[in-house]
PDB file of N, CA and C in Angstrom:
ATOM      1  N   UNK A   1       5.894  -0.656  -0.083  1.00  0.00           N
ATOM      2  CA  UNK A   1       5.690   0.476  -1.033  1.00  0.00           C
ATOM      3  C   UNK A   1       5.350  -0.573  -1.996  1.00  0.00           C
ATOM      4  N   UNK A   2       6.296  -1.028  -2.724  1.00  0.00           N
ATOM      5  CA  UNK A   2       6.192  -2.133  -3.803  1.00  0.00           C
ATOM      6  C   UNK A   2       4.990  -2.120  -4.322  1.00  0.00           C
ATOM      7  N   UNK A   3       3.860  -2.854  -3.265  1.00  0.00           N
ATOM      8  CA  UNK A   3       2.278  -3.028  -3.326  1.00  0.00           C
ATOM      9  C   UNK A   3       1.638  -1.891  -4.113  1.00  0.00           C
ATOM     10  N   UNK A   4       1.947  -0.658  -2.929  1.00  0.00           N
ATOM     11  CA  UNK A   4       1.122   0.744  -3.579  1.00  0.00           C
ATOM     12  C   UNK A   4       1.687   0.582  -4.838  1.00  0.00           C
ATOM     13  N   UNK A   5       2.897   1.066  -5.221  1.00  0.00           N
ATOM     14  CA  UNK A   5       3.028   1.220  -6.921  1.00  0.00           C
ATOM     15  C   UNK A   5       2.475   0.100  -8.361  1.00  0.00           C
ATOM     16  N   UNK A   6       2.310  -1.469  -7.520  1.00  0.00           N
ATOM     17  CA  UNK A   6       2.186  -1.725  -8.005  1.00  0.00           C
ATOM     18  C   UNK A   6       0.303  -2.480  -8.578  1.00  0.00           C
ATOM     19  N   UNK A   7      -0.105  -1.716  -7.041  1.00  0.00           N
ATOM     20  CA  UNK A   7      -2.086  -1.464  -7.220  1.00  0.00           C
ATOM     21  C   UNK A   7      -2.320   0.010  -8.056  1.00  0.00           C
ATOM     22  N   UNK A   8      -1.113   1.110  -8.009  1.00  0.00           N
ATOM     23  CA  UNK A   8      -1.612   1.810  -9.198  1.00  0.00           C
ATOM     24  C   UNK A   8      -1.088   1.526 -10.452  1.00  0.00           C
ATOM     25  N   UNK A   9       0.153   0.879 -10.828  1.00  0.00           N
ATOM     26  CA  UNK A   9       0.513   0.509 -11.792  1.00  0.00           C
ATOM     27  C   UNK A   9      -0.391  -0.269 -12.909  1.00  0.00           C
ATOM     28  N   UNK A  10      -1.279  -1.382 -11.467  1.00  0.00           N
ATOM     29  CA  UNK A  10      -1.762  -2.568 -12.988  1.00  0.00           C
ATOM     30  C   UNK A  10      -3.546  -1.389 -12.735  1.00  0.00           C
ATOM     31  N   UNK A  11      -3.580  -0.598 -12.008  1.00  0.00           N
ATOM     32  CA  UNK A  11      -5.218  -0.089 -12.367  1.00  0.00           C
ATOM     33  C   UNK A  11      -4.948   0.856 -13.885  1.00  0.00           C
ATOM     34  N   UNK A  12      -3.341   1.125 -14.137  1.00  0.00           N
ATOM     35  CA  UNK A  12      -3.081   2.234 -15.100  1.00  0.00           C
ATOM     36  C   UNK A  12      -3.568   1.857 -16.751  1.00  0.00           C
ATOM     37  N   UNK A  13      -3.389   0.230 -16.432  1.00  0.00           N
ATOM     38  CA  UNK A  13      -2.550  -0.670 -17.719  1.00  0.00           C
ATOM     39  C   UNK A  13      -3.328  -1.456 -18.303  1.00  0.00           C
ATOM     40  N   UNK A  14      -3.421  -1.907 -19.812  1.00  0.00           N
ATOM     41  CA  UNK A  14      -4.766  -2.891 -20.643  1.00  0.00           C
ATOM     42  C   UNK A  14      -3.899  -4.604 -19.698  1.00  0.00           C
ATOM     43  N   UNK A  15      -3.090  -4.513 -19.804  1.00  0.00           N
ATOM     44  CA  UNK A  15      -2.580  -5.627 -19.614  1.00  0.00           C
ATOM     45  C   UNK A  15      -1.968  -6.397 -17.976  1.00  0.00           C
ATOM     46  N   UNK A  16      -2.815  -5.757 -16.902  1.00  0.00           N
ATOM     47  CA  UNK A  16      -2.227  -6.075 -15.457  1.00  0.00           C
ATOM     48  C   UNK A  16      -1.028  -7.239 -15.390  1.00  0.00           C
ATOM     49  N   UNK A  17      -1.212  -8.512 -15.715  1.00  0.00           N
ATOM     50  CA  UNK A  17      -0.362  -9.661 -15.609  1.00  0.00           C
ATOM     51  C   UNK A  17       1.422  -8.988 -15.814  1.00  0.00           C
ATOM     52  N   UNK A  18       0.948  -8.062 -16.968  1.00  0.00           N
ATOM     53  CA  UNK A  18       2.602  -8.324 -17.235  1.00  0.00           C
ATOM     54  C   UNK A  18       3.567  -7.573 -16.784  1.00  0.00           C
ATOM     55  N   UNK A  19       2.607  -6.135 -15.736  1.00  0.00           N
ATOM     56  CA  UNK A  19       3.292  -5.672 -14.874  1.00  0.00           C
ATOM     57  C   UNK A  19       4.145  -6.411 -13.414  1.00  0.00           C
ATOM     58  N   UNK A  20       5.718  -6.203 -13.506  1.00  0.00           N
ATOM     59  CA  UNK A  20       6.236  -6.345 -12.196  1.00  0.00           C
ATOM     60  C   UNK A  20       7.305  -4.877 -11.724  1.00  0.00           C
ATOM     61  N   UNK A  21       6.781  -5.695 -10.979  1.00  0.00           N
ATOM     62  CA  UNK A  21       8.176  -4.387 -10.264  1.00  0.00           C
ATOM     63  C   UNK A  21       9.212  -4.836  -8.914  1.00  0.00           C
ATOM     64  N   UNK A  22      10.133  -4.035  -9.369  1.00  0.00           N
ATOM     65  CA  UNK A  22      11.675  -4.762  -8.794  1.00  0.00           C
ATOM     66  C   UNK A  22      11.982  -3.134  -7.592  1.00  0.00           C
ATOM     67  N   UNK A  23      12.772  -4.173  -6.573  1.00  0.00           N
ATOM     68  CA  UNK A  23      13.083  -2.778  -5.878  1.00  0.00           C
ATOM     69  C   UNK A  23      14.670  -3.580  -5.649  1.00  0.00           C
ATOM     70  N   UNK A  24      14.888  -2.214  -6.110  1.00  0.00           N
ATOM     71  CA  UNK A  24      16.894  -2.216  -4.959  1.00  0.00           C
ATOM     72  C   UNK A  24      16.858  -0.829  -4.313  1.00  0.00           C
ATOM     73  N   UNK A  25      17.324  -1.545  -2.801  1.00  0.00           N
ATOM     74  CA  UNK A  25      17.077  -0.848  -1.908  1.00  0.00           C
ATOM     75  C   UNK A  25      18.696  -0.632  -1.680  1.00  0.00           C
ATOM     76  N   UNK A  26      19.203   0.483  -1.396  1.00  0.00           N
ATOM     77  CA  UNK A  26      20.474   1.099  -0.982  1.00  0.00           C
ATOM     78  C   UNK A  26      20.177   1.395   0.907  1.00  0.00           C
ATOM     79  N   UNK A  27      21.021   2.660   1.253  1.00  0.00           N
ATOM     80  CA  UNK A  27      21.376   2.486   2.764  1.00  0.00           C
ATOM     81  C   UNK A  27      20.377   3.491   2.584  1.00  0.00           C
ATOM     82  N   UNK A  28      19.733   5.275   1.953  1.00  0.00           N
ATOM     83  CA  UNK A  28      19.516   5.675   2.086  1.00  0.00           C
ATOM     84  C   UNK A  28      17.881   5.740   0.602  1.00  0.00           C
ATOM     85  N   UNK A  29      18.325   5.569  -0.351  1.00  0.00           N
ATOM     86  CA  UNK A  29      17.566   5.090  -1.453  1.00  0.00           C
ATOM     87  C   UNK A  29      17.158   3.835  -1.995  1.00  0.00           C
ATOM     88  N   UNK A  30      16.262   4.526  -2.516  1.00  0.00           N
ATOM     89  CA  UNK A  30      15.343   2.728  -2.943  1.00  0.00           C
ATOM     90  C   UNK A  30      14.766   3.657  -4.678  1.00  0.00           C
ATOM     91  N   UNK A  31      15.413   2.356  -5.634  1.00  0.00           N
ATOM     92  CA  UNK A  31      14.690   2.267  -6.446  1.00  0.00           C
ATOM     93  C   UNK A  31      14.174   1.470  -7.146  1.00  0.00           C
ATOM     94  N   UNK A  32      12.504   1.941  -7.627  1.00  0.00           N
ATOM     95  CA  UNK A  32      11.773   1.094  -8.036  1.00  0.00           C
ATOM     96  C   UNK A  32      11.592   0.472 -10.068  1.00  0.00           C
ATOM     97  N   UNK A  33      11.549  -0.342 -10.336  1.00  0.00           N
ATOM     98  CA  UNK A  33      11.936  -0.864 -11.557  1.00  0.00           C
ATOM     99  C   UNK A  33      10.377  -1.199 -11.878  1.00  0.00           C
ATOM    100  N   UNK A  34       9.752  -0.371 -12.931  1.00  0.00           N
ATOM    101  CA  UNK A  34       8.567  -0.825 -13.023  1.00  0.00           C
ATOM    102  C   UNK A  34       9.135  -1.305 -14.633  1.00  0.00           C
ATOM    103  N   UNK A  35       8.193  -2.727 -14.569  1.00  0.00           N
ATOM    104  CA  UNK A  35       8.532  -2.689 -16.247  1.00  0.00           C
ATOM    105  C   UNK A  35       7.085  -3.440 -16.795  1.00  0.00           C
ATOM    106  N   UNK A  36       6.827  -3.129 -18.016  1.00  0.00           N
ATOM    107  CA  UNK A  36       5.255  -2.764 -18.433  1.00  0.00           C
ATOM    108  C   UNK A  36       4.935  -3.417 -20.050  1.00  0.00           C
ATOM    109  N   UNK A  37       4.031  -4.048 -20.134  1.00  0.00           N
ATOM    110  CA  UNK A  37       3.433  -4.382 -21.888  1.00  0.00           C
ATOM    111  C   UNK A  37       4.492  -3.126 -22.224  1.00  0.00           C
ATOM    112  N   UNK A  38       4.397  -3.551 -23.941  1.00  0.00           N
ATOM    113  CA  UNK A  38       4.915  -2.345 -24.844  1.00  0.00           C
ATOM    114  C   UNK A  38       4.135  -1.892 -24.824  1.00  0.00           C
ATOM    115  N   UNK A  39       2.892  -2.017 -25.070  1.00  0.00           N
ATOM    116  CA  UNK A  39       1.424  -1.547 -25.201  1.00  0.00           C
ATOM    117  C   UNK A  39       1.317  -0.316 -24.137  1.00  0.00           C
ATOM    118  N   UNK A  40       1.664  -0.564 -23.365  1.00  0.00           N
ATOM    119  CA  UNK A  40       0.737   0.082 -21.673  1.00  0.00           C
ATOM    120  C   UNK A  40       2.161   0.989 -21.140  1.00  0.00           C
ATOM    121  N   UNK A  41       3.689   1.253 -22.288  1.00  0.00           N
ATOM    122  CA  UNK A  41       4.559   1.853 -21.694  1.00  0.00           C
ATOM    123  C   UNK A  41       4.179   3.462 -21.664  1.00  0.00           C
ATOM    124  N   UNK A  42       2.821   4.114 -22.586  1.00  0.00           N
ATOM    125  CA  UNK A  42       1.930   4.868 -22.943  1.00  0.00           C
ATOM    126  C   UNK A  42       1.582   5.168 -21.137  1.00  0.00           C
ATOM    127  N   UNK A  43       0.710   4.423 -21.320  1.00  0.00           N
ATOM    128  CA  UNK A  43      -0.080   4.375 -19.963  1.00  0.00           C
ATOM    129  C   UNK A  43       0.415   5.166 -18.366  1.00  0.00           C
ATOM    130  N   UNK A  44       1.597   4.681 -18.633  1.00  0.00           N
ATOM    131  CA  UNK A  44       2.360   4.870 -17.274  1.00  0.00           C
ATOM    132  C   UNK A  44       3.443   5.684 -17.224  1.00  0.00           C
ATOM    133  N   UNK A  45       3.416   6.355 -18.668  1.00  0.00           N
ATOM    134  CA  UNK A  45       4.450   7.963 -18.894  1.00  0.00           C
ATOM    135  C   UNK A  45       3.150   9.154 -18.604  1.00  0.00           C
ATOM    136  N   UNK A  46       1.986   8.870 -19.696  1.00  0.00           N
ATOM    137  CA  UNK A  46       1.176   9.451 -19.953  1.00  0.00           C
ATOM    138  C   UNK A  46       1.406  10.638 -20.829  1.00  0.00           C
ATOM    139  N   UNK A  47       0.693  11.487 -21.047  1.00  0.00           N
ATOM    140  CA  UNK A  47       0.711  12.931 -21.942  1.00  0.00           C
ATOM    141  C   UNK A  47       2.352  14.253 -20.673  1.00  0.00           C
ATOM    142  N   UNK A  48       2.956  14.027 -21.525  1.00  0.00           N
ATOM    143  CA  UNK A  48       3.670  14.602 -21.408  1.00  0.00           C
ATOM    144  C   UNK A  48       4.736  14.837 -19.889  1.00  0.00           C
ATOM    145  N   UNK A  49       4.221  12.879 -19.530  1.00  0.00           N
ATOM    146  CA  UNK A  49       4.904  12.364 -18.048  1.00  0.00           C
ATOM    147  C   UNK A  49       4.648  13.037 -17.812  1.00  0.00           C
ATOM    148  N   UNK A  50       3.564  13.297 -17.342  1.00  0.00           N
ATOM    149  CA  UNK A  50       2.130  13.894 -15.823  1.00  0.00           C
ATOM    150  C   UNK A  50       1.744  12.922 -15.028  1.00  0.00           C
ATOM    151  N   UNK A  51       1.228  11.463 -15.699  1.00  0.00           N
ATOM    152  CA  UNK A  51       1.423  10.349 -14.886  1.00  0.00           C
ATOM    153  C   UNK A  51       2.046  10.490 -14.101  1.00  0.00           C
ATOM    154  N   UNK A  52       3.504   9.711 -14.900  1.00  0.00           N
ATOM    155  CA  UNK A  52       4.768   9.635 -13.883  1.00  0.00           C
ATOM    156  C   UNK A  52       5.252  10.752 -13.011  1.00  0.00           C
ATOM    157  N   UNK A  53       4.271  11.388 -13.078  1.00  0.00           N
ATOM    158  CA  UNK A  53       5.365  12.937 -12.077  1.00  0.00           C
ATOM    159  C   UNK A  53       4.853  11.995 -10.723  1.00  0.00           C
ATOM    160  N   UNK A  54       3.299  12.050 -11.767  1.00  0.00           N
ATOM    161  CA  UNK A  54       2.671  12.369 -10.470  1.00  0.00           C
ATOM    162  C   UNK A  54       2.932  10.779  -9.662  1.00  0.00           C
ATOM    163  N   UNK A  55       2.851   9.902  -9.937  1.00  0.00           N
ATOM    164  CA  UNK A  55       3.709   8.535  -9.082  1.00  0.00           C
ATOM    165  C   UNK A  55       4.834   8.784  -9.012  1.00  0.00           C
ATOM    166  N   UNK A  56       6.049   9.701  -9.521  1.00  0.00           N
ATOM    167  CA  UNK A  56       6.972  10.289  -8.391  1.00  0.00           C
ATOM    168  C   UNK A  56       6.479  10.401  -7.354  1.00  0.00           C
ATOM    169  N   UNK A  57       5.500  11.870  -7.576  1.00  0.00           N
ATOM    170  CA  UNK A  57       5.282  12.005  -6.584  1.00  0.00           C
ATOM    171  C   UNK A  57       4.800  11.632  -5.240  1.00  0.00           C
ATOM    172  N   UNK A  58       3.951  10.534  -5.326  1.00  0.00           N
ATOM    173  CA  UNK A  58       2.878   9.721  -4.484  1.00  0.00           C
ATOM    174  C   UNK A  58       4.903   8.522  -3.379  1.00  0.00           C
ATOM    175  N   UNK A  59       5.577   8.312  -4.312  1.00  0.00           N
ATOM    176  CA  UNK A  59       6.659   7.068  -4.083  1.00  0.00           C
ATOM    177  C   UNK A  59       7.543   8.345  -3.210  1.00  0.00           C
ATOM    178  N   UNK A  60       7.889   9.362  -3.750  1.00  0.00           N
ATOM    179  CA  UNK A  60       9.343  10.280  -2.549  1.00  0.00           C
ATOM    180  C   UNK A  60       7.823  10.386  -1.248  1.00  0.00           C
ATOM    181  N   UNK A  61       6.683  10.681  -1.295  1.00  0.00           N
ATOM    182  CA  UNK A  61       5.765  11.218  -0.345  1.00  0.00           C
ATOM    183  C   UNK A  61       6.068   9.618   0.694  1.00  0.00           C
ATOM    184  N   UNK A  62       5.673   8.822  -0.067  1.00  0.00           N
ATOM    185  CA  UNK A  62       5.466   7.299   0.758  1.00  0.00           C
ATOM    186  C   UNK A  62       6.693   7.164   1.747  1.00  0.00           C
ATOM    187  N   UNK A  63       7.859   7.397   0.144  1.00  0.00           N
ATOM    188  CA  UNK A  63       9.392   7.243   0.678  1.00  0.00           C
ATOM    189  C   UNK A  63       9.776   7.749   2.243  1.00  0.00           C
ATOM    190  N   UNK A  64       9.785   9.567   1.667  1.00  0.00           N
ATOM    191  CA  UNK A  64       9.751   9.814   2.868  1.00  0.00           C
ATOM    192  C   UNK A  64       9.548  10.041   4.464  1.00  0.00           C
ATOM    193  N   UNK A  65       8.210   9.340   4.009  1.00  0.00           N
ATOM    194  CA  UNK A  65       7.537   8.788   5.216  1.00  0.00           C
ATOM    195  C   UNK A  65       8.884   7.839   6.519  1.00  0.00           C
ATOM    196  N   UNK A  66       9.049   7.453   5.561  1.00  0.00           N
ATOM    197  CA  UNK A  66      10.599   6.289   6.303  1.00  0.00           C
ATOM    198  C   UNK A  66      11.387   6.388   5.784  1.00  0.00           C
ATOM    199  N   UNK A  67      12.394   7.903   6.814  1.00  0.00           N
ATOM    200  CA  UNK A  67      13.404   8.515   6.141  1.00  0.00           C
ATOM    201  C   UNK A  67      14.176   8.112   5.020  1.00  0.00           C
ATOM    202  N   UNK A  68      13.345   7.506   3.502  1.00  0.00           N
ATOM    203  CA  UNK A  68      14.138   7.695   2.611  1.00  0.00           C
ATOM    204  C   UNK A  68      13.923   7.960   1.767  1.00  0.00           C
ATOM    205  N   UNK A  69      14.836   8.278   0.322  1.00  0.00           N
ATOM    206  CA  UNK A  69      14.634   9.077  -1.032  1.00  0.00           C
ATOM    207  C   UNK A  69      14.745   7.543  -1.760  1.00  0.00           C
ATOM    208  N   UNK A  70      13.544   7.961  -2.703  1.00  0.00           N
ATOM    209  CA  UNK A  70      12.734   6.475  -3.580  1.00  0.00           C
ATOM    210  C   UNK A  70      12.888   7.275  -5.789  1.00  0.00           C
ATOM    211  N   UNK A  71      13.144   6.330  -6.121  1.00  0.00           N
ATOM    212  CA  UNK A  71      12.944   6.940  -7.921  1.00  0.00           C
ATOM    213  C   UNK A  71      12.153   5.802  -7.886  1.00  0.00           C
ATOM    214  N   UNK A  72      11.622   5.859  -9.063  1.00  0.00           N
ATOM    215  CA  UNK A  72      11.254   4.790 -10.439  1.00  0.00           C
ATOM    216  C   UNK A  72      11.806   4.781 -11.249  1.00  0.00           C
ATOM    217  N   UNK A  73      11.967   3.452 -12.447  1.00  0.00           N
ATOM    218  CA  UNK A  73      12.001   3.246 -13.501  1.00  0.00           C
ATOM    219  C   UNK A  73      11.030   2.312 -13.884  1.00  0.00           C
ATOM    220  N   UNK A  74      10.499   3.256 -15.400  1.00  0.00           N
ATOM    221  CA  UNK A  74       9.985   2.324 -16.385  1.00  0.00           C
ATOM    222  C   UNK A  74      10.366   1.875 -17.391  1.00  0.00           C
ATOM    223  N   UNK A  75      10.167   0.989 -17.554  1.00  0.00           N
ATOM    224  CA  UNK A  75      10.184  -0.056 -18.886  1.00  0.00           C
ATOM    225  C   UNK A  75      10.053  -1.194 -19.016  1.00  0.00           C
ATOM    226  N   UNK A  76       9.914  -0.787 -20.776  1.00  0.00           N
ATOM    227  CA  UNK A  76       8.771  -1.563 -21.584  1.00  0.00           C
ATOM    228  C   UNK A  76       9.176  -3.266 -22.255  1.00  0.00           C
ATOM    229  N   UNK A  77       9.417  -3.948 -22.174  1.00  0.00           N
ATOM    230  CA  UNK A  77       9.624  -5.801 -21.915  1.00  0.00           C
ATOM    231  C   UNK A  77      10.878  -5.231 -23.555  1.00  0.00           C
ATOM    232  N   UNK A  78      10.995  -5.414 -24.693  1.00  0.00           N
ATOM    233  CA  UNK A  78      11.756  -5.021 -25.945  1.00  0.00           C
ATOM    234  C   UNK A  78      12.747  -4.066 -25.721  1.00  0.00           C
ATOM    235  N   UNK A  79      12.074  -2.816 -26.027  1.00  0.00           N
ATOM    236  CA  UNK A  79      13.009  -1.689 -25.058  1.00  0.00           C
ATOM    237  C   UNK A  79      13.782  -1.163 -23.863  1.00  0.00           C
ATOM    238  N   UNK A  80      14.470   0.018 -24.331  1.00  0.00           N
ATOM    239  CA  UNK A  80      15.001   0.563 -23.274  1.00  0.00           C
ATOM    240  C   UNK A  80      14.350   1.263 -21.899  1.00  0.00           C
ATOM    241  N   UNK A  81      14.536   1.238 -20.938  1.00  0.00           N
ATOM    242  CA  UNK A  81      14.264   1.988 -20.097  1.00  0.00           C
ATOM    243  C   UNK A  81      14.576   3.753 -19.851  1.00  0.00           C
ATOM    244  N   UNK A  82      13.343   3.927 -19.909  1.00  0.00           N
ATOM    245  CA  UNK A  82      13.146   5.562 -19.127  1.00  0.00           C
ATOM    246  C   UNK A  82      13.095   6.039 -17.769  1.00  0.00           C
ATOM    247  N   UNK A  83      13.723   7.028 -17.036  1.00  0.00           N
ATOM    248  CA  UNK A  83      14.004   7.030 -16.239  1.00  0.00           C
ATOM    249  C   UNK A  83      13.393   8.232 -15.845  1.00  0.00           C
ATOM    250  N   UNK A  84      12.248   8.351 -14.548  1.00  0.00           N
ATOM    251  CA  UNK A  84      11.881   9.321 -14.371  1.00  0.00           C
ATOM    252  C   UNK A  84      11.998   9.712 -12.668  1.00  0.00           C
TER     253      UNK A  84
END
């Protein structure tokens, strides 16, 4: 799933080499932390969060296939965390 997220996010941003995906796995849930360049945060979130919501839908579908729950956190380098 990590590779899936990385491929999607790298296709969305202008600086793909700045994309870093971390996976925090629990017993029943997985959290994927997505770090992108500050200038790319808007591209990953999208207008009114539509891109982030679509990404969340894909991740939840892939996670349910293996019997887990999943969520994403989108971080820009210098600023805070946006939980989606």
